[in-house]
């Protein structure tokens, strides 16, 4: 079974057109299980059987914008929890609800 990762990225979302461009790019990526675009915070969360760094590069090329990886989590289905793999935001604090959302979304896709 391929490894499932959840990743949070910072992308500049200036307008509705930028939002739609990001949304279309994410919908084209077959390996993504779920995504969440937080427009006001400029954050995009994706979850799926992806190589996080390669996925960030691919998204950046598709939308022609700079993508900064804030956090990468590895989903461990055996324990039903997320494991921290590093990233700029891995020092903890805040945003706990988002982790639960991504883990739940990833578990729902299991056969």
Protein backbone atom coordinates (compact mmCIF):
# COMPACT_ATOMS: atom_id res chain seq x y z
CA UNK A 1 0.00 0.00 0.00
CA UNK A 2 1.45 3.42 -0.93
CA UNK A 3 2.27 5.83 1.87
CA UNK A 4 -0.33 8.55 2.52
CA UNK A 5 0.90 12.07 3.31
CA UNK A 6 -0.94 15.23 4.36
CA UNK A 7 0.78 18.49 3.50
CA UNK A 8 0.01 22.14 4.26
CA UNK A 9 1.33 24.74 1.82
CA UNK A 10 1.31 28.53 1.68
CA UNK A 11 0.19 29.93 -1.67
CA UNK A 12 -0.66 33.55 -2.44
CA UNK A 13 -4.41 33.60 -3.24
CA UNK A 14 -5.15 37.17 -4.34
CA UNK A 15 -8.48 36.86 -6.10
CA UNK A 16 -11.23 34.52 -7.23
CA UNK A 17 -9.30 33.72 -10.41
CA UNK A 18 -6.29 32.56 -8.38
CA UNK A 19 -8.57 30.42 -6.23
CA UNK A 20 -10.11 28.78 -9.30
CA UNK A 21 -6.68 28.16 -10.86
CA UNK A 22 -5.50 26.40 -7.67
CA UNK A 23 -8.74 24.40 -7.42
CA UNK A 24 -8.48 23.22 -11.06
CA UNK A 25 -4.84 22.20 -10.58
CA UNK A 26 -5.70 20.16 -7.48
CA UNK A 27 -8.63 18.47 -9.21
CA UNK A 28 -6.31 17.36 -12.06
CA UNK A 29 -3.97 15.56 -9.67
CA UNK A 30 -5.24 11.97 -9.57
CA UNK A 31 -3.15 10.89 -6.58
CA UNK A 32 -4.81 13.38 -4.18
CA UNK A 33 -7.43 11.96 -1.84
CA UNK A 34 -8.65 15.31 -0.51
CA UNK A 35 -7.81 18.99 -0.45
CA UNK A 36 -8.76 22.06 1.54
CA UNK A 37 -8.21 25.63 0.33
CA UNK A 38 -8.20 28.28 3.06
CA UNK A 39 -8.53 31.41 0.98
CA UNK A 40 -8.17 34.09 3.67
CA UNK A 41 -5.16 32.44 5.32
CA UNK A 42 -3.51 31.62 1.98
CA UNK A 43 -3.11 27.97 2.95
CA UNK A 44 -3.79 24.84 0.92
CA UNK A 45 -3.91 21.40 2.54
CA UNK A 46 -3.70 18.22 0.46
CA UNK A 47 -3.82 14.59 1.46
CA UNK A 48 -3.08 11.50 -0.62
CA UNK A 49 -0.57 8.96 -1.89
CA UNK A 50 1.93 11.63 -2.93
CA UNK A 51 5.58 12.53 -2.70
CA UNK A 52 5.10 15.86 -0.85
CA UNK A 53 8.01 17.76 -2.38
CA UNK A 54 7.27 16.57 -5.92
CA UNK A 55 3.57 17.42 -5.45
CA UNK A 56 4.44 20.96 -4.29
CA UNK A 57 6.67 21.45 -7.35
CA UNK A 58 3.94 20.11 -9.66
CA UNK A 59 1.29 22.39 -8.12
CA UNK A 60 3.61 25.38 -8.42
CA UNK A 61 4.18 24.65 -12.12
CA UNK A 62 0.46 24.13 -12.81
CA UNK A 63 -0.58 27.43 -11.21
CA UNK A 64 2.59 29.39 -12.03
CA UNK A 65 2.95 30.58 -8.43
CA UNK A 66 5.42 30.14 -5.59
CA UNK A 67 4.48 27.32 -3.19
CA UNK A 68 5.94 27.10 0.32
CA UNK A 69 5.58 23.87 2.31
CA UNK A 70 4.58 24.65 5.89
CA UNK A 71 3.99 21.17 7.26
CA UNK A 72 4.20 17.52 6.15
CA UNK A 73 2.46 14.73 8.04
CA UNK A 74 2.60 11.00 7.41
CA UNK A 75 -0.71 9.20 8.00
CA UNK A 76 -0.36 6.01 10.00
CA UNK A 77 -3.50 3.93 9.42
CA UNK A 78 -2.56 1.29 12.00
CA UNK A 79 -2.77 3.74 14.90
CA UNK A 80 -5.24 6.08 13.18
CA UNK A 81 -3.11 9.17 13.78
CA UNK A 82 -0.74 11.53 12.02
CA UNK A 83 3.02 11.43 12.40
CA UNK A 84 5.08 14.62 11.99
CA UNK A 85 7.69 14.50 9.21
CA UNK A 86 8.95 18.04 9.66
CA UNK A 87 8.31 21.26 7.83
CA UNK A 88 8.43 24.87 8.96
CA UNK A 89 5.28 24.63 11.08
CA UNK A 90 6.15 21.43 12.91
CA UNK A 91 6.91 23.11 16.24
CA UNK A 92 3.30 22.54 17.36
CA UNK A 93 0.49 24.77 18.52
CA UNK A 94 -2.64 25.91 16.75
CA UNK A 95 -4.59 24.37 13.91
CA UNK A 96 -5.38 21.09 15.67
CA UNK A 97 -8.78 20.77 14.03
CA UNK A 98 -7.24 20.72 10.57
CA UNK A 99 -5.15 17.64 11.37
CA UNK A 100 -8.25 15.77 12.47
CA UNK A 101 -10.09 16.78 9.28
CA UNK A 102 -7.30 15.50 7.04
CA UNK A 103 -6.90 12.24 8.97
CA UNK A 104 -10.65 11.61 8.85
CA UNK A 105 -10.77 12.35 5.12
CA UNK A 106 -7.88 9.96 4.47
CA UNK A 107 -9.49 7.16 6.54
CA UNK A 108 -12.80 7.49 4.69
CA UNK A 109 -11.04 6.69 1.41
CA UNK A 110 -9.73 3.35 2.68
CA UNK A 111 -11.30 0.28 1.03
